[in-house]
């Protein structure tokens, strides 16, 4: 478990306005999808092979270490953040 603080999510005025225009059916569909996502079993991890420029990988490892983070954990967090980001 990471000791770093959880990120704070900020919403743009445009996004909040879009949410205000949602119908009750759209809100229910969103909540049901969110419930299913939260109730899902943790997914299995899969070992992958990824080609990355050496200088980029070394810089990433250095920055992660300086932040007290494991670089592979940070890569997974960045992937997750990107997938779950609002459009």
N, C-alpha and C. Protein backbone atom coordinates (compact mmCIF):
# COMPACT_ATOMS: atom_id res chain seq x y z
N UNK A 1 0.84 -1.18 0.00
CA UNK A 1 0.00 0.00 0.00
C UNK A 1 0.89 1.24 0.00
N UNK A 2 0.57 2.18 -0.82
CA UNK A 2 1.38 3.38 -0.99
C UNK A 2 1.10 4.39 0.13
N UNK A 3 2.15 5.10 0.53
CA UNK A 3 2.00 6.14 1.54
C UNK A 3 1.70 7.50 0.95
N UNK A 4 1.70 7.58 -0.37
CA UNK A 4 1.48 8.88 -0.98
C UNK A 4 0.02 9.28 -0.89
N UNK A 5 -0.25 10.58 -0.83
CA UNK A 5 -1.64 11.04 -0.71
C UNK A 5 -2.43 10.71 -1.98
N UNK A 6 -3.70 10.50 -1.78
CA UNK A 6 -4.57 10.22 -2.92
C UNK A 6 -4.74 11.50 -3.74
N UNK A 7 -4.83 11.36 -5.05
CA UNK A 7 -4.98 12.56 -5.88
C UNK A 7 -6.36 13.20 -5.67
N UNK A 8 -6.38 14.49 -5.86
CA UNK A 8 -7.63 15.25 -5.79
C UNK A 8 -8.11 15.43 -7.21
N UNK A 9 -9.39 15.17 -7.42
CA UNK A 9 -9.93 15.30 -8.78
C UNK A 9 -10.62 16.66 -8.90
N UNK A 10 -10.25 17.39 -9.93
CA UNK A 10 -10.85 18.69 -10.20
C UNK A 10 -11.73 18.55 -11.44
N UNK A 11 -12.85 19.23 -11.44
CA UNK A 11 -13.78 19.16 -12.56
C UNK A 11 -13.87 20.52 -13.22
N UNK A 12 -13.84 20.50 -14.54
CA UNK A 12 -13.96 21.75 -15.28
C UNK A 12 -15.42 22.22 -15.23
N UNK A 13 -15.62 23.50 -15.48
CA UNK A 13 -16.98 24.04 -15.52
C UNK A 13 -17.80 23.35 -16.62
N UNK A 14 -17.15 23.04 -17.74
CA UNK A 14 -17.84 22.38 -18.84
C UNK A 14 -18.31 20.99 -18.42
N UNK A 15 -17.44 20.25 -17.72
CA UNK A 15 -17.81 18.91 -17.27
C UNK A 15 -18.96 18.97 -16.27
N UNK A 16 -18.90 19.90 -15.34
CA UNK A 16 -19.98 20.03 -14.35
C UNK A 16 -21.30 20.39 -15.03
N UNK A 17 -21.24 21.23 -16.03
CA UNK A 17 -22.46 21.58 -16.76
C UNK A 17 -23.01 20.37 -17.51
N UNK A 18 -22.13 19.59 -18.09
CA UNK A 18 -22.55 18.35 -18.77
C UNK A 18 -23.24 17.41 -17.78
N UNK A 19 -22.71 17.32 -16.57
CA UNK A 19 -23.31 16.47 -15.54
C UNK A 19 -24.69 16.98 -15.15
N UNK A 20 -24.84 18.29 -15.06
CA UNK A 20 -26.14 18.87 -14.68
C UNK A 20 -27.22 18.56 -15.73
N UNK A 21 -26.80 18.38 -16.97
CA UNK A 21 -27.76 18.11 -18.05
C UNK A 21 -28.11 16.63 -18.18
N UNK A 22 -27.49 15.77 -17.39
CA UNK A 22 -27.76 14.33 -17.48
C UNK A 22 -29.19 14.02 -17.04
N UNK A 23 -29.79 13.08 -17.75
CA UNK A 23 -31.14 12.65 -17.38
C UNK A 23 -31.04 11.67 -16.21
N UNK A 24 -32.14 11.45 -15.50
CA UNK A 24 -32.11 10.46 -14.42
C UNK A 24 -31.67 9.08 -14.91
N UNK A 25 -32.06 8.71 -16.11
CA UNK A 25 -31.66 7.41 -16.65
C UNK A 25 -30.15 7.34 -16.87
N UNK A 26 -29.58 8.43 -17.37
CA UNK A 26 -28.12 8.48 -17.58
C UNK A 26 -27.38 8.41 -16.25
N UNK A 27 -27.91 9.08 -15.25
CA UNK A 27 -27.28 9.05 -13.92
C UNK A 27 -27.33 7.64 -13.35
N UNK A 28 -28.49 6.99 -13.46
CA UNK A 28 -28.60 5.61 -12.96
C UNK A 28 -27.66 4.66 -13.70
N UNK A 29 -27.55 4.83 -15.00
CA UNK A 29 -26.65 3.97 -15.78
C UNK A 29 -25.20 4.18 -15.33
N UNK A 30 -24.82 5.44 -15.10
CA UNK A 30 -23.47 5.74 -14.61
C UNK A 30 -23.23 5.09 -13.25
N UNK A 31 -24.18 5.26 -12.33
CA UNK A 31 -24.02 4.70 -10.99
C UNK A 31 -23.95 3.18 -11.02
N UNK A 32 -24.73 2.56 -11.86
CA UNK A 32 -24.69 1.10 -11.96
C UNK A 32 -23.35 0.63 -12.53
N UNK A 33 -22.86 1.31 -13.53
CA UNK A 33 -21.54 0.97 -14.08
C UNK A 33 -20.45 1.14 -13.04
N UNK A 34 -20.53 2.23 -12.28
CA UNK A 34 -19.55 2.48 -11.23
C UNK A 34 -19.62 1.39 -10.16
N UNK A 35 -20.83 0.99 -9.77
CA UNK A 35 -21.00 -0.07 -8.76
C UNK A 35 -20.37 -1.37 -9.24
N UNK A 36 -20.62 -1.72 -10.49
CA UNK A 36 -20.05 -2.96 -11.04
C UNK A 36 -18.53 -2.89 -11.08
N UNK A 37 -18.00 -1.75 -11.43
CA UNK A 37 -16.56 -1.58 -11.49
C UNK A 37 -15.94 -1.75 -10.11
N UNK A 38 -16.56 -1.17 -9.10
CA UNK A 38 -16.04 -1.25 -7.73
C UNK A 38 -16.18 -2.64 -7.14
N UNK A 39 -17.21 -3.39 -7.55
CA UNK A 39 -17.47 -4.71 -7.00
C UNK A 39 -16.65 -5.79 -7.69
N UNK A 40 -16.06 -5.46 -8.81
CA UNK A 40 -15.32 -6.46 -9.58
C UNK A 40 -14.11 -6.95 -8.80
N UNK A 41 -13.79 -8.22 -9.00
CA UNK A 41 -12.59 -8.78 -8.38
C UNK A 41 -11.37 -8.10 -8.99
N UNK A 42 -10.33 -7.96 -8.20
CA UNK A 42 -9.12 -7.37 -8.77
C UNK A 42 -8.65 -8.22 -9.96
N UNK A 43 -8.31 -7.54 -11.02
CA UNK A 43 -7.87 -8.24 -12.22
C UNK A 43 -6.51 -8.87 -11.99
N UNK A 44 -6.28 -9.97 -12.67
CA UNK A 44 -4.97 -10.60 -12.62
C UNK A 44 -3.97 -9.71 -13.35
N UNK A 45 -2.75 -9.78 -12.92
CA UNK A 45 -1.69 -9.05 -13.61
C UNK A 45 -1.17 -9.90 -14.76
N UNK A 46 -0.68 -9.25 -15.78
CA UNK A 46 -0.12 -9.94 -16.93
C UNK A 46 1.25 -9.38 -17.23
N UNK A 47 2.20 -10.26 -17.34
CA UNK A 47 3.55 -9.87 -17.69
C UNK A 47 3.60 -9.46 -19.16
N UNK A 48 4.15 -8.27 -19.42
CA UNK A 48 4.25 -7.80 -20.80
C UNK A 48 5.69 -7.43 -21.10
N UNK A 49 5.98 -7.34 -22.36
CA UNK A 49 7.28 -6.87 -22.82
C UNK A 49 7.02 -5.57 -23.57
N UNK A 50 7.76 -4.53 -23.23
CA UNK A 50 7.52 -3.22 -23.81
C UNK A 50 8.86 -2.59 -24.18
N UNK A 51 8.98 -2.18 -25.43
CA UNK A 51 10.21 -1.50 -25.84
C UNK A 51 10.09 -0.02 -25.52
N UNK A 52 11.08 0.48 -24.77
CA UNK A 52 11.13 1.88 -24.37
C UNK A 52 12.55 2.37 -24.57
N UNK A 53 12.69 3.60 -25.05
CA UNK A 53 14.04 4.16 -25.21
C UNK A 53 14.78 4.09 -23.88
N UNK A 54 16.04 3.68 -23.92
CA UNK A 54 16.82 3.51 -22.70
C UNK A 54 16.93 4.79 -21.88
N UNK A 55 17.16 5.92 -22.55
CA UNK A 55 17.30 7.16 -21.81
C UNK A 55 16.00 7.55 -21.10
N UNK A 56 14.87 7.29 -21.74
CA UNK A 56 13.58 7.59 -21.14
C UNK A 56 13.33 6.68 -19.93
N UNK A 57 13.63 5.40 -20.06
CA UNK A 57 13.44 4.47 -18.96
C UNK A 57 14.34 4.83 -17.78
N UNK A 58 15.58 5.14 -18.04
CA UNK A 58 16.51 5.49 -16.95
C UNK A 58 16.06 6.78 -16.25
N UNK A 59 15.60 7.76 -17.01
CA UNK A 59 15.11 9.00 -16.41
C UNK A 59 13.86 8.73 -15.58
N UNK A 60 12.98 7.87 -16.08
CA UNK A 60 11.76 7.53 -15.36
C UNK A 60 12.10 6.81 -14.05
N UNK A 61 13.02 5.85 -14.11
CA UNK A 61 13.45 5.13 -12.91
C UNK A 61 14.04 6.09 -11.89
N UNK A 62 14.88 7.01 -12.36
CA UNK A 62 15.53 7.97 -11.47
C UNK A 62 14.49 8.86 -10.79
N UNK A 63 13.54 9.37 -11.56
CA UNK A 63 12.51 10.24 -10.99
C UNK A 63 11.64 9.46 -10.00
N UNK A 64 11.29 8.23 -10.32
CA UNK A 64 10.48 7.41 -9.41
C UNK A 64 11.23 7.17 -8.11
N UNK A 65 12.51 6.82 -8.22
CA UNK A 65 13.31 6.56 -7.02
C UNK A 65 13.42 7.83 -6.16
N UNK A 66 13.64 8.97 -6.81
CA UNK A 66 13.75 10.23 -6.08
C UNK A 66 12.44 10.58 -5.37
N UNK A 67 11.33 10.08 -5.89
CA UNK A 67 10.02 10.32 -5.28
C UNK A 67 9.64 9.23 -4.29
N UNK A 68 10.52 8.25 -4.13
CA UNK A 68 10.24 7.15 -3.20
C UNK A 68 9.24 6.16 -3.74
N UNK A 69 9.15 6.05 -5.05
CA UNK A 69 8.19 5.16 -5.69
C UNK A 69 8.91 4.07 -6.47
N UNK A 70 8.25 2.96 -6.64
CA UNK A 70 8.76 1.92 -7.52
C UNK A 70 8.36 2.29 -8.94
N UNK A 71 9.28 2.19 -9.87
CA UNK A 71 8.98 2.69 -11.21
C UNK A 71 7.90 1.88 -11.90
N UNK A 72 7.85 0.55 -11.70
CA UNK A 72 6.81 -0.24 -12.35
C UNK A 72 5.43 0.08 -11.77
N UNK A 73 5.38 0.31 -10.48
CA UNK A 73 4.12 0.71 -9.84
C UNK A 73 3.68 2.05 -10.40
N UNK A 74 4.61 2.95 -10.60
CA UNK A 74 4.28 4.27 -11.15
C UNK A 74 3.77 4.16 -12.58
N UNK A 75 4.36 3.28 -13.38
CA UNK A 75 3.88 3.07 -14.75
C UNK A 75 2.44 2.58 -14.72
N UNK A 76 2.16 1.61 -13.85
CA UNK A 76 0.79 1.09 -13.74
C UNK A 76 -0.18 2.17 -13.28
N UNK A 77 0.25 3.03 -12.36
CA UNK A 77 -0.61 4.11 -11.89
C UNK A 77 -0.89 5.10 -13.00
N UNK A 78 0.11 5.43 -13.78
CA UNK A 78 -0.09 6.35 -14.91
C UNK A 78 -1.06 5.76 -15.93
N UNK A 79 -0.94 4.46 -16.19
CA UNK A 79 -1.86 3.80 -17.11
C UNK A 79 -3.28 3.86 -16.58
N UNK A 80 -3.45 3.56 -15.31
CA UNK A 80 -4.77 3.57 -14.69
C UNK A 80 -5.37 4.98 -14.70
N UNK A 81 -4.56 5.98 -14.34
CA UNK A 81 -5.04 7.36 -14.34
C UNK A 81 -5.51 7.77 -15.73
N UNK A 82 -4.76 7.39 -16.75
CA UNK A 82 -5.10 7.76 -18.12
C UNK A 82 -6.39 7.08 -18.56
N UNK A 83 -6.54 5.80 -18.24
CA UNK A 83 -7.75 5.06 -18.62
C UNK A 83 -8.99 5.63 -17.96
N UNK A 84 -8.86 6.03 -16.69
CA UNK A 84 -10.02 6.50 -15.94
C UNK A 84 -10.24 8.00 -16.00
N UNK A 85 -9.40 8.72 -16.72
CA UNK A 85 -9.54 10.19 -16.82
C UNK A 85 -10.82 10.54 -17.57
N UNK A 86 -11.40 11.65 -17.18
CA UNK A 86 -12.59 12.14 -17.86
C UNK A 86 -12.19 12.68 -19.23
N UNK A 87 -13.05 12.47 -20.24
CA UNK A 87 -12.72 12.97 -21.58
C UNK A 87 -12.71 14.47 -21.64
